[in-house]
N, C-alpha and C. Protein backbone atom coordinates (compact mmCIF):
# COMPACT_ATOMS: atom_id res chain seq x y z
N MET A 1 -15.29 -16.51 -37.54
CA MET A 1 -14.54 -16.16 -36.34
C MET A 1 -15.47 -16.31 -35.13
N PRO A 2 -15.10 -17.14 -34.16
CA PRO A 2 -15.94 -17.29 -32.97
C PRO A 2 -15.88 -16.07 -32.06
N TYR A 3 -16.92 -15.91 -31.27
CA TYR A 3 -16.99 -14.79 -30.33
C TYR A 3 -16.95 -15.30 -28.90
N CYS A 4 -16.41 -14.49 -28.02
CA CYS A 4 -16.22 -14.83 -26.62
C CYS A 4 -17.57 -14.98 -25.91
N PRO A 5 -17.77 -16.08 -25.18
CA PRO A 5 -19.02 -16.24 -24.44
C PRO A 5 -19.10 -15.33 -23.21
N GLU A 6 -17.97 -14.79 -22.79
CA GLU A 6 -17.94 -13.92 -21.61
C GLU A 6 -18.24 -12.46 -21.96
N CYS A 7 -17.52 -11.92 -22.95
CA CYS A 7 -17.66 -10.49 -23.24
C CYS A 7 -18.15 -10.19 -24.65
N GLY A 8 -18.19 -11.20 -25.52
CA GLY A 8 -18.64 -10.99 -26.89
C GLY A 8 -17.53 -10.56 -27.84
N GLY A 9 -16.29 -10.48 -27.32
CA GLY A 9 -15.16 -10.10 -28.14
C GLY A 9 -14.75 -11.19 -29.13
N GLU A 10 -13.87 -10.85 -30.04
CA GLU A 10 -13.38 -11.78 -31.04
C GLU A 10 -12.41 -12.78 -30.43
N MET A 11 -12.55 -14.06 -30.77
CA MET A 11 -11.66 -15.10 -30.29
C MET A 11 -10.65 -15.43 -31.39
N GLN A 12 -9.41 -15.62 -31.01
CA GLN A 12 -8.36 -15.98 -31.96
C GLN A 12 -7.82 -17.35 -31.57
N TYR A 13 -7.65 -18.24 -32.54
CA TYR A 13 -7.13 -19.58 -32.27
C TYR A 13 -5.61 -19.53 -32.28
N ILE A 14 -5.01 -20.03 -31.20
CA ILE A 14 -3.56 -20.10 -31.08
C ILE A 14 -3.15 -21.55 -31.32
N LEU A 15 -2.54 -21.81 -32.45
CA LEU A 15 -2.19 -23.18 -32.84
C LEU A 15 -1.21 -23.83 -31.87
N ALA A 16 -0.24 -23.08 -31.36
CA ALA A 16 0.79 -23.63 -30.48
C ALA A 16 0.19 -24.21 -29.20
N THR A 17 -0.84 -23.57 -28.66
CA THR A 17 -1.45 -24.05 -27.41
C THR A 17 -2.78 -24.75 -27.64
N LYS A 18 -3.29 -24.68 -28.88
CA LYS A 18 -4.59 -25.26 -29.24
C LYS A 18 -5.71 -24.70 -28.37
N HIS A 19 -5.65 -23.39 -28.15
CA HIS A 19 -6.65 -22.69 -27.36
C HIS A 19 -7.19 -21.50 -28.16
N TYR A 20 -8.43 -21.15 -27.86
CA TYR A 20 -9.01 -19.92 -28.36
C TYR A 20 -8.78 -18.87 -27.29
N VAL A 21 -8.31 -17.69 -27.67
CA VAL A 21 -8.05 -16.60 -26.73
C VAL A 21 -8.84 -15.38 -27.18
N CYS A 22 -9.55 -14.79 -26.23
CA CYS A 22 -10.33 -13.59 -26.53
C CYS A 22 -9.40 -12.39 -26.63
N LYS A 23 -9.57 -11.61 -27.70
CA LYS A 23 -8.75 -10.42 -27.91
C LYS A 23 -9.12 -9.30 -26.94
N SER A 24 -10.32 -9.35 -26.37
CA SER A 24 -10.77 -8.29 -25.47
C SER A 24 -10.48 -8.58 -24.00
N CYS A 25 -10.99 -9.73 -23.50
CA CYS A 25 -10.88 -10.00 -22.07
C CYS A 25 -9.79 -11.02 -21.72
N GLY A 26 -9.23 -11.71 -22.73
CA GLY A 26 -8.14 -12.64 -22.48
C GLY A 26 -8.57 -14.04 -22.11
N LEU A 27 -9.86 -14.34 -22.15
CA LEU A 27 -10.35 -15.69 -21.84
C LEU A 27 -9.65 -16.69 -22.76
N SER A 28 -9.14 -17.77 -22.18
CA SER A 28 -8.44 -18.81 -22.94
C SER A 28 -9.13 -20.14 -22.70
N VAL A 29 -9.65 -20.75 -23.77
CA VAL A 29 -10.38 -22.01 -23.65
C VAL A 29 -10.06 -22.92 -24.83
N THR A 30 -10.22 -24.22 -24.60
CA THR A 30 -10.09 -25.19 -25.69
C THR A 30 -11.37 -25.15 -26.51
N GLN A 31 -11.36 -25.84 -27.65
CA GLN A 31 -12.55 -25.86 -28.50
C GLN A 31 -13.70 -26.54 -27.75
N GLN A 32 -13.42 -27.61 -27.01
CA GLN A 32 -14.44 -28.32 -26.24
C GLN A 32 -15.04 -27.40 -25.17
N GLU A 33 -14.19 -26.69 -24.45
CA GLU A 33 -14.67 -25.78 -23.42
C GLU A 33 -15.53 -24.66 -24.02
N LEU A 34 -15.12 -24.17 -25.18
CA LEU A 34 -15.88 -23.12 -25.86
C LEU A 34 -17.27 -23.62 -26.22
N MET A 35 -17.36 -24.85 -26.74
CA MET A 35 -18.66 -25.42 -27.10
C MET A 35 -19.53 -25.61 -25.85
N GLU A 36 -18.92 -26.07 -24.74
CA GLU A 36 -19.68 -26.26 -23.50
C GLU A 36 -20.19 -24.94 -22.94
N LEU A 37 -19.36 -23.90 -22.98
CA LEU A 37 -19.78 -22.59 -22.50
C LEU A 37 -20.96 -22.07 -23.32
N ARG A 38 -20.89 -22.23 -24.61
CA ARG A 38 -21.98 -21.77 -25.48
C ARG A 38 -23.26 -22.54 -25.21
N GLU A 39 -23.13 -23.85 -24.99
CA GLU A 39 -24.29 -24.69 -24.71
C GLU A 39 -24.96 -24.26 -23.40
N ASN A 40 -24.15 -23.93 -22.39
CA ASN A 40 -24.70 -23.50 -21.11
C ASN A 40 -25.37 -22.14 -21.19
N LEU A 41 -24.92 -21.29 -22.10
CA LEU A 41 -25.51 -19.96 -22.25
C LEU A 41 -26.78 -19.96 -23.10
N ARG A 42 -26.98 -21.03 -23.85
CA ARG A 42 -28.15 -21.12 -24.72
C ARG A 42 -29.41 -21.18 -23.85
N PRO A 43 -30.40 -20.36 -24.15
CA PRO A 43 -31.61 -20.37 -23.32
C PRO A 43 -32.38 -21.68 -23.48
N THR A 44 -32.90 -22.15 -22.37
CA THR A 44 -33.72 -23.36 -22.40
C THR A 44 -35.17 -22.94 -22.29
N PHE A 45 -35.99 -23.53 -23.12
CA PHE A 45 -37.41 -23.21 -23.12
C PHE A 45 -38.15 -24.31 -22.40
N LYS A 46 -38.60 -23.99 -21.18
CA LYS A 46 -39.31 -24.97 -20.37
C LYS A 46 -40.72 -24.44 -20.10
N THR A 47 -41.59 -25.39 -19.85
CA THR A 47 -42.94 -24.99 -19.49
C THR A 47 -42.95 -24.53 -18.04
N LYS A 48 -44.00 -23.85 -17.65
CA LYS A 48 -44.14 -23.36 -16.29
C LYS A 48 -44.10 -24.53 -15.30
N GLU A 49 -44.73 -25.64 -15.66
CA GLU A 49 -44.76 -26.82 -14.79
C GLU A 49 -43.36 -27.40 -14.60
N GLU A 50 -42.56 -27.44 -15.67
CA GLU A 50 -41.19 -27.95 -15.56
C GLU A 50 -40.34 -27.06 -14.67
N GLU A 51 -40.51 -25.75 -14.79
CA GLU A 51 -39.77 -24.82 -13.94
C GLU A 51 -40.15 -25.00 -12.48
N GLU A 52 -41.44 -25.17 -12.20
CA GLU A 52 -41.91 -25.36 -10.84
C GLU A 52 -41.36 -26.67 -10.26
N GLU A 53 -41.37 -27.72 -11.05
CA GLU A 53 -40.83 -29.01 -10.61
C GLU A 53 -39.34 -28.90 -10.31
N LYS A 54 -38.61 -28.17 -11.13
CA LYS A 54 -37.18 -27.97 -10.91
C LYS A 54 -36.94 -27.23 -9.59
N ARG A 55 -37.73 -26.19 -9.34
CA ARG A 55 -37.59 -25.44 -8.07
C ARG A 55 -37.89 -26.32 -6.87
N LYS A 56 -38.91 -27.16 -6.98
CA LYS A 56 -39.26 -28.07 -5.87
C LYS A 56 -38.12 -29.05 -5.59
N LYS A 57 -37.54 -29.60 -6.65
CA LYS A 57 -36.43 -30.55 -6.48
C LYS A 57 -35.21 -29.88 -5.86
N GLU A 58 -34.91 -28.66 -6.30
CA GLU A 58 -33.77 -27.93 -5.74
C GLU A 58 -34.00 -27.62 -4.27
N TYR A 59 -35.23 -27.22 -3.92
CA TYR A 59 -35.54 -26.94 -2.52
C TYR A 59 -35.43 -28.20 -1.68
N LEU A 60 -35.96 -29.32 -2.16
CA LEU A 60 -35.90 -30.58 -1.43
C LEU A 60 -34.45 -31.00 -1.21
N LYS A 61 -33.64 -30.86 -2.24
CA LYS A 61 -32.22 -31.20 -2.12
C LYS A 61 -31.56 -30.33 -1.05
N TRP A 62 -31.85 -29.03 -1.06
CA TRP A 62 -31.30 -28.12 -0.06
C TRP A 62 -31.78 -28.49 1.33
N TRP A 63 -33.09 -28.75 1.49
CA TRP A 63 -33.68 -29.07 2.78
C TRP A 63 -33.09 -30.33 3.35
N LEU A 64 -32.93 -31.36 2.51
CA LEU A 64 -32.37 -32.62 2.97
C LEU A 64 -30.90 -32.48 3.35
N SER A 65 -30.17 -31.59 2.69
CA SER A 65 -28.76 -31.40 3.02
C SER A 65 -28.59 -30.76 4.39
N LYS A 66 -29.58 -30.03 4.88
CA LYS A 66 -29.51 -29.38 6.19
C LYS A 66 -29.85 -30.36 7.32
N LYS A 67 -30.37 -31.54 6.98
CA LYS A 67 -30.79 -32.51 7.99
C LYS A 67 -29.67 -33.45 8.42
N LYS A 68 -28.52 -33.34 7.79
CA LYS A 68 -27.41 -34.25 8.11
C LYS A 68 -26.66 -33.82 9.33
């Protein structure tokens, strides 16, 4: 039985709509959406250098967007 990525509640598959619905919070998602949500919640293990590079790129993108 899959668990809700939002609240951790039990998900029930509804055959008529082909959606998983959380019994606790009511979240309704397709199987593909459920897999994508879980993938996004999975922790990524990056080195300190990779994290710093990501922050620099995000800042540069923000800075350049203000110059338009």
